[in-house]
Amino acid sequence: MNATPTPQATATAAIDGRAIQAQFASLTSDRDKFQTETATLQTKLVQQQSQIQIQRQRQLHLSTTIQSRTTILGESEQSLRLLIDEEKRLRRQYSAEGSEIVSLVNVISQREETVTESK
């Protein structure tokens, strides 16, 4: 048997070979596009992760600032309460001392009257 291909078989093989080459070229192009898109997406992902990290740092800073200011406010409120309590205590003390002074003035006035009457 002779293994020589017929002209029709040769033409069909040539057409099939070109079709395979075209498919390979198309697949290669698709692969290149996919790799480009993958690289672009990876770049975007890194940028987004960086932005997320920056936002987390800002949130931590704000949280720390708020906590610090809340602590300061609480301490200020406590100090203010102590000052108010001290003011109330001093007012009571001065009121008591004022009453004592009035009493002493009354006693002195009575003694002066007694001394004046005895003369």
PDB file of N, CA and C in Angstrom:
ATOM      1  N   MET A   1       0.820  -1.169   0.000  1.00  0.00           N
ATOM      2  CA  MET A   1       0.000   0.000   0.000  1.00  0.00           C
ATOM      3  C   MET A   1       0.871   1.242   0.000  1.00  0.00           C
ATOM      4  N   ASN A   2       0.402   2.202  -0.732  1.00  0.00           N
ATOM      5  CA  ASN A   2       1.149   3.433  -0.861  1.00  0.00           C
ATOM      6  C   ASN A   2       0.605   4.425   0.163  1.00  0.00           C
ATOM      7  N   ALA A   3       1.501   5.066   0.980  1.00  0.00           N
ATOM      8  CA  ALA A   3       1.092   5.989   2.033  1.00  0.00           C
ATOM      9  C   ALA A   3       1.140   7.426   1.554  1.00  0.00           C
ATOM     10  N   THR A   4       1.087   7.655   0.308  1.00  0.00           N
ATOM     11  CA  THR A   4       1.127   9.022  -0.209  1.00  0.00           C
ATOM     12  C   THR A   4      -0.246   9.636  -0.034  1.00  0.00           C
ATOM     13  N   PRO A   5      -0.295  10.793   0.590  1.00  0.00           N
ATOM     14  CA  PRO A   5      -1.603  11.417   0.797  1.00  0.00           C
ATOM     15  C   PRO A   5      -2.151  11.963  -0.523  1.00  0.00           C
ATOM     16  N   THR A   6      -3.417  11.986  -0.570  1.00  0.00           N
ATOM     17  CA  THR A   6      -4.082  12.511  -1.766  1.00  0.00           C
ATOM     18  C   THR A   6      -4.051  14.026  -1.704  1.00  0.00           C
ATOM     19  N   PRO A   7      -4.171  14.676  -2.853  1.00  0.00           N
ATOM     20  CA  PRO A   7      -4.171  16.141  -2.841  1.00  0.00           C
ATOM     21  C   PRO A   7      -5.289  16.699  -1.954  1.00  0.00           C
ATOM     22  N   GLN A   8      -6.415  16.046  -1.915  1.00  0.00           N
ATOM     23  CA  GLN A   8      -7.526  16.507  -1.089  1.00  0.00           C
ATOM     24  C   GLN A   8      -7.165  16.376   0.378  1.00  0.00           C
ATOM     25  N   ALA A   9      -6.512  15.283   0.775  1.00  0.00           N
ATOM     26  CA  ALA A   9      -6.110  15.086   2.162  1.00  0.00           C
ATOM     27  C   ALA A   9      -5.069  16.111   2.544  1.00  0.00           C
ATOM     28  N   THR A  10      -4.155  16.440   1.643  1.00  0.00           N
ATOM     29  CA  THR A  10      -3.123  17.443   1.911  1.00  0.00           C
ATOM     30  C   THR A  10      -3.766  18.805   2.111  1.00  0.00           C
ATOM     31  N   ALA A  11      -4.734  19.141   1.290  1.00  0.00           N
ATOM     32  CA  ALA A  11      -5.420  20.428   1.409  1.00  0.00           C
ATOM     33  C   ALA A  11      -6.195  20.490   2.720  1.00  0.00           C
ATOM     34  N   THR A  12      -6.856  19.399   3.075  1.00  0.00           N
ATOM     35  CA  THR A  12      -7.616  19.359   4.317  1.00  0.00           C
ATOM     36  C   THR A  12      -6.682  19.507   5.508  1.00  0.00           C
ATOM     37  N   ALA A  13      -5.528  18.838   5.468  1.00  0.00           N
ATOM     38  CA  ALA A  13      -4.552  18.928   6.562  1.00  0.00           C
ATOM     39  C   ALA A  13      -4.022  20.339   6.677  1.00  0.00           C
ATOM     40  N   ALA A  14      -3.782  20.991   5.546  1.00  0.00           N
ATOM     41  CA  ALA A  14      -3.288  22.366   5.562  1.00  0.00           C
ATOM     42  C   ALA A  14      -4.325  23.288   6.184  1.00  0.00           C
ATOM     43  N   ILE A  15      -5.590  23.098   5.830  1.00  0.00           N
ATOM     44  CA  ILE A  15      -6.671  23.919   6.396  1.00  0.00           C
ATOM     45  C   ILE A  15      -6.773  23.659   7.898  1.00  0.00           C
ATOM     46  N   ASP A  16      -6.718  22.400   8.294  1.00  0.00           N
ATOM     47  CA  ASP A  16      -6.775  22.056   9.716  1.00  0.00           C
ATOM     48  C   ASP A  16      -5.593  22.655  10.466  1.00  0.00           C
ATOM     49  N   GLY A  17      -4.401  22.631   9.875  1.00  0.00           N
ATOM     50  CA  GLY A  17      -3.203  23.194  10.510  1.00  0.00           C
ATOM     51  C   GLY A  17      -3.350  24.692  10.720  1.00  0.00           C
ATOM     52  N   ARG A  18      -3.899  25.383   9.700  1.00  0.00           N
ATOM     53  CA  ARG A  18      -4.102  26.830   9.843  1.00  0.00           C
ATOM     54  C   ARG A  18      -5.161  27.117  10.913  1.00  0.00           C
ATOM     55  N   ALA A  19      -6.187  26.285  10.978  1.00  0.00           N
ATOM     56  CA  ALA A  19      -7.228  26.473  11.989  1.00  0.00           C
ATOM     57  C   ALA A  19      -6.642  26.279  13.391  1.00  0.00           C
ATOM     58  N   ILE A  20      -5.779  25.282  13.539  1.00  0.00           N
ATOM     59  CA  ILE A  20      -5.136  25.030  14.840  1.00  0.00           C
ATOM     60  C   ILE A  20      -4.223  26.196  15.195  1.00  0.00           C
ATOM     61  N   GLN A  21      -3.469  26.706  14.225  1.00  0.00           N
ATOM     62  CA  GLN A  21      -2.589  27.856  14.478  1.00  0.00           C
ATOM     63  C   GLN A  21      -3.407  29.090  14.872  1.00  0.00           C
ATOM     64  N   ALA A  22      -4.550  29.283  14.219  1.00  0.00           N
ATOM     65  CA  ALA A  22      -5.413  30.427  14.543  1.00  0.00           C
ATOM     66  C   ALA A  22      -5.970  30.282  15.957  1.00  0.00           C
ATOM     67  N   GLN A  23      -6.387  29.054  16.318  1.00  0.00           N
ATOM     68  CA  GLN A  23      -6.890  28.816  17.673  1.00  0.00           C
ATOM     69  C   GLN A  23      -5.778  29.043  18.705  1.00  0.00           C
ATOM     70  N   PHE A  24      -4.573  28.574  18.375  1.00  0.00           N
ATOM     71  CA  PHE A  24      -3.439  28.754  19.291  1.00  0.00           C
ATOM     72  C   PHE A  24      -3.139  30.237  19.472  1.00  0.00           C
ATOM     73  N   ALA A  25      -3.159  30.983  18.376  1.00  0.00           N
ATOM     74  CA  ALA A  25      -2.904  32.424  18.448  1.00  0.00           C
ATOM     75  C   ALA A  25      -3.990  33.112  19.273  1.00  0.00           C
ATOM     76  N   SER A  26      -5.227  32.692  19.104  1.00  0.00           N
ATOM     77  CA  SER A  26      -6.343  33.261  19.856  1.00  0.00           C
ATOM     78  C   SER A  26      -6.186  32.944  21.352  1.00  0.00           C
ATOM     79  N   LEU A  27      -5.828  31.697  21.644  1.00  0.00           N
ATOM     80  CA  LEU A  27      -5.629  31.302  23.050  1.00  0.00           C
ATOM     81  C   LEU A  27      -4.452  32.052  23.671  1.00  0.00           C
ATOM     82  N   THR A  28      -3.397  32.233  22.894  1.00  0.00           N
ATOM     83  CA  THR A  28      -2.233  32.977  23.384  1.00  0.00           C
ATOM     84  C   THR A  28      -2.625  34.422  23.676  1.00  0.00           C
ATOM     85  N   SER A  29      -3.412  35.018  22.808  1.00  0.00           N
ATOM     86  CA  SER A  29      -3.889  36.392  22.996  1.00  0.00           C
ATOM     87  C   SER A  29      -4.768  36.480  24.251  1.00  0.00           C
ATOM     88  N   ASP A  30      -5.670  35.507  24.395  1.00  0.00           N
ATOM     89  CA  ASP A  30      -6.536  35.477  25.582  1.00  0.00           C
ATOM     90  C   ASP A  30      -5.703  35.346  26.852  1.00  0.00           C
ATOM     91  N   ARG A  31      -4.676  34.488  26.809  1.00  0.00           N
ATOM     92  CA  ARG A  31      -3.801  34.302  27.972  1.00  0.00           C
ATOM     93  C   ARG A  31      -3.105  35.612  28.317  1.00  0.00           C
ATOM     94  N   ASP A  32      -2.587  36.307  27.304  1.00  0.00           N
ATOM     95  CA  ASP A  32      -1.893  37.580  27.540  1.00  0.00           C
ATOM     96  C   ASP A  32      -2.844  38.615  28.146  1.00  0.00           C
ATOM     97  N   LYS A  33      -4.075  38.689  27.639  1.00  0.00           N
ATOM     98  CA  LYS A  33      -5.066  39.614  28.191  1.00  0.00           C
ATOM     99  C   LYS A  33      -5.362  39.265  29.647  1.00  0.00           C
ATOM    100  N   PHE A  34      -5.517  37.972  29.920  1.00  0.00           N
ATOM    101  CA  PHE A  34      -5.796  37.521  31.280  1.00  0.00           C
ATOM    102  C   PHE A  34      -4.650  37.892  32.215  1.00  0.00           C
ATOM    103  N   GLN A  35      -3.426  37.693  31.785  1.00  0.00           N
ATOM    104  CA  GLN A  35      -2.268  38.041  32.617  1.00  0.00           C
ATOM    105  C   GLN A  35      -2.214  39.540  32.879  1.00  0.00           C
ATOM    106  N   THR A  36      -2.526  40.339  31.859  1.00  0.00           N
ATOM    107  CA  THR A  36      -2.540  41.799  32.023  1.00  0.00           C
ATOM    108  C   THR A  36      -3.631  42.206  33.013  1.00  0.00           C
ATOM    109  N   GLU A  37      -4.821  41.642  32.856  1.00  0.00           N
ATOM    110  CA  GLU A  37      -5.929  41.952  33.769  1.00  0.00           C
ATOM    111  C   GLU A  37      -5.590  41.503  35.191  1.00  0.00           C
ATOM    112  N   THR A  38      -4.955  40.357  35.318  1.00  0.00           N
ATOM    113  CA  THR A  38      -4.571  39.855  36.639  1.00  0.00           C
ATOM    114  C   THR A  38      -3.581  40.807  37.299  1.00  0.00           C
ATOM    115  N   ALA A  39      -2.596  41.257  36.554  1.00  0.00           N
ATOM    116  CA  ALA A  39      -1.610  42.201  37.093  1.00  0.00           C
ATOM    117  C   ALA A  39      -2.287  43.505  37.516  1.00  0.00           C
ATOM    118  N   THR A  40      -3.224  43.990  36.694  1.00  0.00           N
ATOM    119  CA  THR A  40      -3.951  45.225  37.018  1.00  0.00           C
ATOM    120  C   THR A  40      -4.760  45.047  38.299  1.00  0.00           C
ATOM    121  N   LEU A  41      -5.462  43.916  38.402  1.00  0.00           N
ATOM    122  CA  LEU A  41      -6.259  43.648  39.601  1.00  0.00           C
ATOM    123  C   LEU A  41      -5.377  43.504  40.847  1.00  0.00           C
ATOM    124  N   GLN A  42      -4.218  42.878  40.692  1.00  0.00           N
ATOM    125  CA  GLN A  42      -3.307  42.737  41.826  1.00  0.00           C
ATOM    126  C   GLN A  42      -2.808  44.103  42.288  1.00  0.00           C
ATOM    127  N   THR A  43      -2.527  44.991  41.349  1.00  0.00           N
ATOM    128  CA  THR A  43      -2.093  46.351  41.691  1.00  0.00           C
ATOM    129  C   THR A  43      -3.197  47.080  42.440  1.00  0.00           C
ATOM    130  N   LYS A  44      -4.438  46.976  41.940  1.00  0.00           N
ATOM    131  CA  LYS A  44      -5.572  47.612  42.609  1.00  0.00           C
ATOM    132  C   LYS A  44      -5.766  47.045  44.016  1.00  0.00           C
ATOM    133  N   LEU A  45      -5.596  45.751  44.155  1.00  0.00           N
ATOM    134  CA  LEU A  45      -5.744  45.100  45.459  1.00  0.00           C
ATOM    135  C   LEU A  45      -4.721  45.641  46.450  1.00  0.00           C
ATOM    136  N   VAL A  46      -3.486  45.760  46.022  1.00  0.00           N
ATOM    137  CA  VAL A  46      -2.436  46.297  46.892  1.00  0.00           C
ATOM    138  C   VAL A  46      -2.765  47.735  47.287  1.00  0.00           C
ATOM    139  N   GLN A  47      -3.255  48.535  46.337  1.00  0.00           N
ATOM    140  CA  GLN A  47      -3.627  49.925  46.640  1.00  0.00           C
ATOM    141  C   GLN A  47      -4.771  49.976  47.643  1.00  0.00           C
ATOM    142  N   GLN A  48      -5.762  49.126  47.466  1.00  0.00           N
ATOM    143  CA  GLN A  48      -6.901  49.098  48.389  1.00  0.00           C
ATOM    144  C   GLN A  48      -6.468  48.640  49.778  1.00  0.00           C
ATOM    145  N   GLN A  49      -5.580  47.650  49.834  1.00  0.00           N
ATOM    146  CA  GLN A  49      -5.087  47.185  51.132  1.00  0.00           C
ATOM    147  C   GLN A  49      -4.319  48.295  51.833  1.00  0.00           C
ATOM    148  N   SER A  50      -3.580  49.073  51.066  1.00  0.00           N
ATOM    149  CA  SER A  50      -2.844  50.201  51.632  1.00  0.00           C
ATOM    150  C   SER A  50      -3.818  51.246  52.182  1.00  0.00           C
ATOM    151  N   GLN A  51      -4.866  51.540  51.427  1.00  0.00           N
ATOM    152  CA  GLN A  51      -5.877  52.498  51.883  1.00  0.00           C
ATOM    153  C   GLN A  51      -6.573  52.003  53.153  1.00  0.00           C
ATOM    154  N   ILE A  52      -6.878  50.711  53.187  1.00  0.00           N
ATOM    155  CA  ILE A  52      -7.514  50.124  54.374  1.00  0.00           C
ATOM    156  C   ILE A  52      -6.598  50.265  55.576  1.00  0.00           C
ATOM    157  N   GLN A  53      -5.313  50.011  55.394  1.00  0.00           N
ATOM    158  CA  GLN A  53      -4.351  50.134  56.489  1.00  0.00           C
ATOM    159  C   GLN A  53      -4.282  51.576  56.990  1.00  0.00           C
ATOM    160  N   ILE A  54      -4.283  52.523  56.051  1.00  0.00           N
ATOM    161  CA  ILE A  54      -4.255  53.945  56.430  1.00  0.00           C
ATOM    162  C   ILE A  54      -5.522  54.291  57.212  1.00  0.00           C
ATOM    163  N   GLN A  55      -6.684  53.816  56.748  1.00  0.00           N
ATOM    164  CA  GLN A  55      -7.937  54.092  57.444  1.00  0.00           C
ATOM    165  C   GLN A  55      -7.940  53.470  58.838  1.00  0.00           C
ATOM    166  N   ARG A  56      -7.400  52.279  58.967  1.00  0.00           N
ATOM    167  CA  ARG A  56      -7.326  51.634  60.294  1.00  0.00           C
ATOM    168  C   ARG A  56      -6.440  52.437  61.230  1.00  0.00           C
ATOM    169  N   GLN A  57      -5.322  52.945  60.713  1.00  0.00           N
ATOM    170  CA  GLN A  57      -4.439  53.767  61.540  1.00  0.00           C
ATOM    171  C   GLN A  57      -5.145  55.042  61.976  1.00  0.00           C
ATOM    172  N   ARG A  58      -5.895  55.656  61.067  1.00  0.00           N
ATOM    173  CA  ARG A  58      -6.646  56.869  61.414  1.00  0.00           C
ATOM    174  C   ARG A  58      -7.693  56.567  62.472  1.00  0.00           C
ATOM    175  N   GLN A  59      -8.406  55.454  62.296  1.00  0.00           N
ATOM    176  CA  GLN A  59      -9.429  55.075  63.272  1.00  0.00           C
ATOM    177  C   GLN A  59      -8.803  54.826  64.639  1.00  0.00           C
ATOM    178  N   LEU A  60      -7.663  54.159  64.655  1.00  0.00           N
ATOM    179  CA  LEU A  60      -6.979  53.901  65.920  1.00  0.00           C
ATOM    180  C   LEU A  60      -6.561  55.216  66.561  1.00  0.00           C
ATOM    181  N   HIS A  61      -6.026  56.140  65.754  1.00  0.00           N
ATOM    182  CA  HIS A  61      -5.615  57.447  66.269  1.00  0.00           C
ATOM    183  C   HIS A  61      -6.825  58.202  66.841  1.00  0.00           C
ATOM    184  N   LEU A  62      -7.927  58.205  66.086  1.00  0.00           N
ATOM    185  CA  LEU A  62      -9.134  58.887  66.563  1.00  0.00           C
ATOM    186  C   LEU A  62      -9.668  58.236  67.832  1.00  0.00           C
ATOM    187  N   SER A  63      -9.666  56.932  67.864  1.00  0.00           N
ATOM    188  CA  SER A  63     -10.136  56.219  69.045  1.00  0.00           C
ATOM    189  C   SER A  63      -9.283  56.559  70.262  1.00  0.00           C
ATOM    190  N   THR A  64      -7.969  56.578  70.057  1.00  0.00           N
ATOM    191  CA  THR A  64      -7.050  56.919  71.147  1.00  0.00           C
ATOM    192  C   THR A  64      -7.272  58.363  71.595  1.00  0.00           C
ATOM    193  N   THR A  65      -7.446  59.264  70.642  1.00  0.00           N
ATOM    194  CA  THR A  65      -7.677  60.674  70.964  1.00  0.00           C
ATOM    195  C   THR A  65      -8.982  60.843  71.738  1.00  0.00           C
ATOM    196  N   ILE A  66     -10.027  60.185  71.279  1.00  0.00           N
ATOM    197  CA  ILE A  66     -11.322  60.275  71.964  1.00  0.00           C
ATOM    198  C   ILE A  66     -11.214  59.709  73.373  1.00  0.00           C
ATOM    199  N   GLN A  67     -10.546  58.576  73.510  1.00  0.00           N
ATOM    200  CA  GLN A  67     -10.389  57.968  74.831  1.00  0.00           C
ATOM    201  C   GLN A  67      -9.602  58.890  75.756  1.00  0.00           C
ATOM    202  N   SER A  68      -8.538  59.484  75.233  1.00  0.00           N
ATOM    203  CA  SER A  68      -7.717  60.399  76.025  1.00  0.00           C
ATOM    204  C   SER A  68      -8.528  61.618  76.455  1.00  0.00           C
ATOM    205  N   ARG A  69      -9.259  62.192  75.520  1.00  0.00           N
ATOM    206  CA  ARG A  69     -10.055  63.385  75.837  1.00  0.00           C
ATOM    207  C   ARG A  69     -11.186  63.048  76.802  1.00  0.00           C
ATOM    208  N   THR A  70     -11.760  61.860  76.666  1.00  0.00           N
ATOM    209  CA  THR A  70     -12.805  61.436  77.593  1.00  0.00           C
ATOM    210  C   THR A  70     -12.227  61.299  78.994  1.00  0.00           C
ATOM    211  N   THR A  71     -11.022  60.741  79.084  1.00  0.00           N
ATOM    212  CA  THR A  71     -10.357  60.614  80.380  1.00  0.00           C
ATOM    213  C   THR A  71     -10.086  61.988  80.971  1.00  0.00           C
ATOM    214  N   ILE A  72      -9.565  62.890  80.157  1.00  0.00           N
ATOM    215  CA  ILE A  72      -9.279  64.252  80.629  1.00  0.00           C
ATOM    216  C   ILE A  72     -10.573  64.927  81.075  1.00  0.00           C
ATOM    217  N   LEU A  73     -11.637  64.757  80.288  1.00  0.00           N
ATOM    218  CA  LEU A  73     -12.920  65.347  80.639  1.00  0.00           C
ATOM    219  C   LEU A  73     -13.430  64.782  81.968  1.00  0.00           C
ATOM    220  N   GLY A  74     -13.289  63.484  82.132  1.00  0.00           N
ATOM    221  CA  GLY A  74     -13.709  62.847  83.388  1.00  0.00           C
ATOM    222  C   GLY A  74     -12.909  63.381  84.567  1.00  0.00           C
ATOM    223  N   GLU A  75     -11.590  63.520  84.374  1.00  0.00           N
ATOM    224  CA  GLU A  75     -10.748  64.064  85.440  1.00  0.00           C
ATOM    225  C   GLU A  75     -11.114  65.514  85.719  1.00  0.00           C
ATOM    226  N   SER A  76     -11.392  66.279  84.670  1.00  0.00           N
ATOM    227  CA  SER A  76     -11.790  67.679  84.848  1.00  0.00           C
ATOM    228  C   SER A  76     -13.114  67.765  85.588  1.00  0.00           C
ATOM    229  N   GLU A  77     -14.040  66.893  85.231  1.00  0.00           N
ATOM    230  CA  GLU A  77     -15.337  66.877  85.907  1.00  0.00           C
ATOM    231  C   GLU A  77     -15.158  66.535  87.385  1.00  0.00           C
ATOM    232  N   GLN A  78     -14.303  65.556  87.653  1.00  0.00           N
ATOM    233  CA  GLN A  78     -14.048  65.170  89.042  1.00  0.00           C
ATOM    234  C   GLN A  78     -13.393  66.331  89.796  1.00  0.00           C
ATOM    235  N   SER A  79     -12.436  67.004  89.172  1.00  0.00           N
ATOM    236  CA  SER A  79     -11.788  68.157  89.806  1.00  0.00           C
ATOM    237  C   SER A  79     -12.796  69.265  90.064  1.00  0.00           C
ATOM    238  N   LEU A  80     -13.667  69.492  89.106  1.00  0.00           N
ATOM    239  CA  LEU A  80     -14.693  70.520  89.260  1.00  0.00           C
ATOM    240  C   LEU A  80     -15.623  70.173  90.426  1.00  0.00           C
ATOM    241  N   ARG A  81     -16.000  68.936  90.535  1.00  0.00           N
ATOM    242  CA  ARG A  81     -16.858  68.511  91.655  1.00  0.00           C
ATOM    243  C   ARG A  81     -16.149  68.736  92.990  1.00  0.00           C
ATOM    244  N   LEU A  82     -14.854  68.415  93.025  1.00  0.00           N
ATOM    245  CA  LEU A  82     -14.091  68.644  94.257  1.00  0.00           C
ATOM    246  C   LEU A  82     -14.038  70.132  94.596  1.00  0.00           C
ATOM    247  N   LEU A  83     -13.850  70.965  93.575  1.00  0.00           N
ATOM    248  CA  LEU A  83     -13.816  72.411  93.811  1.00  0.00           C
ATOM    249  C   LEU A  83     -15.168  72.917  94.306  1.00  0.00           C
ATOM    250  N   ILE A  84     -16.236  72.422  93.725  1.00  0.00           N
ATOM    251  CA  ILE A  84     -17.575  72.825  94.163  1.00  0.00           C
ATOM    252  C   ILE A  84     -17.796  72.395  95.607  1.00  0.00           C
ATOM    253  N   ASP A  85     -17.406  71.164  95.933  1.00  0.00           N
ATOM    254  CA  ASP A  85     -17.541  70.688  97.316  1.00  0.00           C
ATOM    255  C   ASP A  85     -16.724  71.542  98.275  1.00  0.00           C
ATOM    256  N   GLU A  86     -15.509  71.913  97.850  1.00  0.00           N
ATOM    257  CA  GLU A  86     -14.650  72.760  98.691  1.00  0.00           C
ATOM    258  C   GLU A  86     -15.278  74.138  98.868  1.00  0.00           C
ATOM    259  N   GLU A  87     -15.860  74.679  97.794  1.00  0.00           N
ATOM    260  CA  GLU A  87     -16.522  75.979  97.887  1.00  0.00           C
ATOM    261  C   GLU A  87     -17.686  75.915  98.880  1.00  0.00           C
ATOM    262  N   LYS A  88     -18.480  74.857  98.811  1.00  0.00           N
ATOM    263  CA  LYS A  88     -19.607  74.697  99.741  1.00  0.00           C
ATOM    264  C   LYS A  88     -19.108  74.612 101.178  1.00  0.00           C
ATOM    265  N   ARG A  89     -18.032  73.856 101.372  1.00  0.00           N
ATOM    266  CA  ARG A  89     -17.475  73.713 102.725  1.00  0.00           C
ATOM    267  C   ARG A  89     -16.993  75.063 103.247  1.00  0.00           C
ATOM    268  N   LEU A  90     -16.279  75.805 102.380  1.00  0.00           N
ATOM    269  CA  LEU A  90     -15.783  77.119 102.798  1.00  0.00           C
ATOM    270  C   LEU A  90     -16.931  78.086 103.074  1.00  0.00           C
ATOM    271  N   ARG A  91     -17.989  78.037 102.272  1.00  0.00           N
ATOM    272  CA  ARG A  91     -19.150  78.903 102.519  1.00  0.00           C
ATOM    273  C   ARG A  91     -19.770  78.590 103.878  1.00  0.00           C
ATOM    274  N   ARG A  92     -19.908  77.286 104.181  1.00  0.00           N
ATOM    275  CA  ARG A  92     -20.450  76.911 105.495  1.00  0.00           C
ATOM    276  C   ARG A  92     -19.541  77.407 106.609  1.00  0.00           C
ATOM    277  N   GLN A  93     -18.220  77.219 106.389  1.00  0.00           N
ATOM    278  CA  GLN A  93     -17.257  77.653 107.396  1.00  0.00           C
ATOM    279  C   GLN A  93     -17.328  79.162 107.592  1.00  0.00           C
ATOM    280  N   TYR A  94     -17.341  79.926 106.490  1.00  0.00           N
ATOM    281  CA  TYR A  94     -17.407  81.381 106.599  1.00  0.00           C
ATOM    282  C   TYR A  94     -18.727  81.824 107.211  1.00  0.00           C
ATOM    283  N   SER A  95     -19.800  81.116 106.883  1.00  0.00           N
ATOM    284  CA  SER A  95     -21.101  81.440 107.454  1.00  0.00           C
ATOM    285  C   SER A  95     -21.070  81.220 108.962  1.00  0.00           C
ATOM    286  N   ALA A  96     -20.467  80.085 109.349  1.00  0.00           N
ATOM    287  CA  ALA A  96     -20.357  79.798 110.782  1.00  0.00           C
ATOM    288  C   ALA A  96     -19.472  80.828 111.462  1.00  0.00           C
ATOM    289  N   GLU A  97     -18.361  81.179 110.830  1.00  0.00           N
ATOM    290  CA  GLU A  97     -17.458  82.178 111.399  1.00  0.00           C
ATOM    291  C   GLU A  97     -18.146  83.537 111.456  1.00  0.00           C
ATOM    292  N   GLY A  98     -18.938  83.857 110.411  1.00  0.00           N
ATOM    293  CA  GLY A  98     -19.688  85.114 110.405  1.00  0.00           C
ATOM    294  C   GLY A  98     -20.686  85.157 111.552  1.00  0.00           C
ATOM    295  N   SER A  99     -21.375  84.029 111.784  1.00  0.00           N
ATOM    296  CA  SER A  99     -22.330  83.958 112.892  1.00  0.00           C
ATOM    297  C   SER A  99     -21.607  84.128 114.215  1.00  0.00           C
ATOM    298  N   GLU A 100     -20.432  83.521 114.311  1.00  0.00           N
ATOM    299  CA  GLU A 100     -19.645  83.641 115.537  1.00  0.00           C
ATOM    300  C   GLU A 100     -19.204  85.088 115.746  1.00  0.00           C
ATOM    301  N   ILE A 101     -18.823  85.759 114.681  1.00  0.00           N
ATOM    302  CA  ILE A 101     -18.407  87.165 114.779  1.00  0.00           C
ATOM    303  C   ILE A 101     -19.588  88.023 115.211  1.00  0.00           C
ATOM    304  N   VAL A 102     -20.761  87.763 114.624  1.00  0.00           N
ATOM    305  CA  VAL A 102     -21.959  88.508 115.019  1.00  0.00           C
ATOM    306  C   VAL A 102     -22.239  88.283 116.498  1.00  0.00           C
ATOM    307  N   SER A 103     -22.108  87.049 116.946  1.00  0.00           N
ATOM    308  CA  SER A 103     -22.333  86.751 118.360  1.00  0.00           C
ATOM    309  C   SER A 103     -21.336  87.493 119.229  1.00  0.00           C
ATOM    310  N   LEU A 104     -20.065  87.503 118.821  1.00  0.00           N
ATOM    311  CA  LEU A 104     -19.044  88.197 119.598  1.00  0.00           C
ATOM    312  C   LEU A 104     -19.311  89.698 119.628  1.00  0.00           C
ATOM    313  N   VAL A 105     -19.731  90.256 118.487  1.00  0.00           N
ATOM    314  CA  VAL A 105     -20.064  91.687 118.439  1.00  0.00           C
ATOM    315  C   VAL A 105     -21.220  91.977 119.388  1.00  0.00           C
ATOM    316  N   ASN A 106     -22.213  91.103 119.409  1.00  0.00           N
ATOM    317  CA  ASN A 106     -23.348  91.281 120.312  1.00  0.00           C
ATOM    318  C   ASN A 106     -22.895  91.219 121.765  1.00  0.00           C
ATOM    319  N   VAL A 107     -22.011  90.265 122.066  1.00  0.00           N
ATOM    320  CA  VAL A 107     -21.505  90.134 123.444  1.00  0.00           C
ATOM    321  C   VAL A 107     -20.728  91.385 123.815  1.00  0.00           C
ATOM    322  N   ILE A 108     -19.881  91.867 122.927  1.00  0.00           N
ATOM    323  CA  ILE A 108     -19.086  93.068 123.191  1.00  0.00           C
ATOM    324  C   ILE A 108     -20.007  94.274 123.383  1.00  0.00           C
ATOM    325  N   SER A 109     -21.029  94.370 122.534  1.00  0.00           N
ATOM    326  CA  SER A 109     -21.970  95.486 122.654  1.00  0.00           C
ATOM    327  C   SER A 109     -22.692  95.435 123.995  1.00  0.00           C
ATOM    328  N   GLN A 110     -23.092  94.243 124.402  1.00  0.00           N
ATOM    329  CA  GLN A 110     -23.772  94.100 125.691  1.00  0.00           C
ATOM    330  C   GLN A 110     -22.834  94.484 126.826  1.00  0.00           C
ATOM    331  N   ARG A 111     -21.595  94.089 126.735  1.00  0.00           N
ATOM    332  CA  ARG A 111     -20.629  94.436 127.794  1.00  0.00           C
ATOM    333  C   ARG A 111     -20.383  95.932 127.834  1.00  0.00           C
ATOM    334  N   GLU A 112     -20.297  96.526 126.628  1.00  0.00           N
ATOM    335  CA  GLU A 112     -20.105  97.961 126.579  1.00  0.00           C
ATOM    336  C   GLU A 112     -21.297  98.674 127.224  1.00  0.00           C
ATOM    337  N   GLU A 113     -22.484  98.156 126.932  1.00  0.00           N
ATOM    338  CA  GLU A 113     -23.676  98.762 127.547  1.00  0.00           C
ATOM    339  C   GLU A 113     -23.636  98.598 129.064  1.00  0.00           C
ATOM    340  N   THR A 114     -23.215  97.418 129.478  1.00  0.00           N
ATOM    341  CA  THR A 114     -23.129  97.166 130.922  1.00  0.00           C
ATOM    342  C   THR A 114     -22.110  98.096 131.554  1.00  0.00           C
ATOM    343  N   VAL A 115     -20.974  98.251 130.889  1.00  0.00           N
ATOM    344  CA  VAL A 115     -19.925  99.132 131.425  1.00  0.00           C
ATOM    345  C   VAL A 115     -20.427 100.574 131.439  1.00  0.00           C
ATOM    346  N   THR A 116     -21.112 100.964 130.370  1.00  0.00           N
ATOM    347  CA  THR A 116     -21.615 102.343 130.272  1.00  0.00           C
ATOM    348  C   THR A 116     -22.680 102.564 131.364  1.00  0.00           C
ATOM    349  N   GLU A 117     -23.526 101.617 131.604  1.00  0.00           N
ATOM    350  CA  GLU A 117     -24.568 101.766 132.615  1.00  0.00           C
ATOM    351  C   GLU A 117     -23.979 101.815 134.010  1.00  0.00           C
ATOM    352  N   SER A 118     -22.920 101.092 134.233  1.00  0.00           N
ATOM    353  CA  SER A 118     -22.348 101.094 135.573  1.00  0.00           C
ATOM    354  C   SER A 118     -21.618 102.385 135.888  1.00  0.00           C
ATOM    355  N   LYS A 119     -21.266 103.155 134.958  1.00  0.00           N
ATOM    356  CA  LYS A 119     -20.556 104.410 135.225  1.00  0.00           C
ATOM    357  C   LYS A 119     -21.534 105.409 135.666  1.00  0.00           C
TER     358      LYS A 119
END
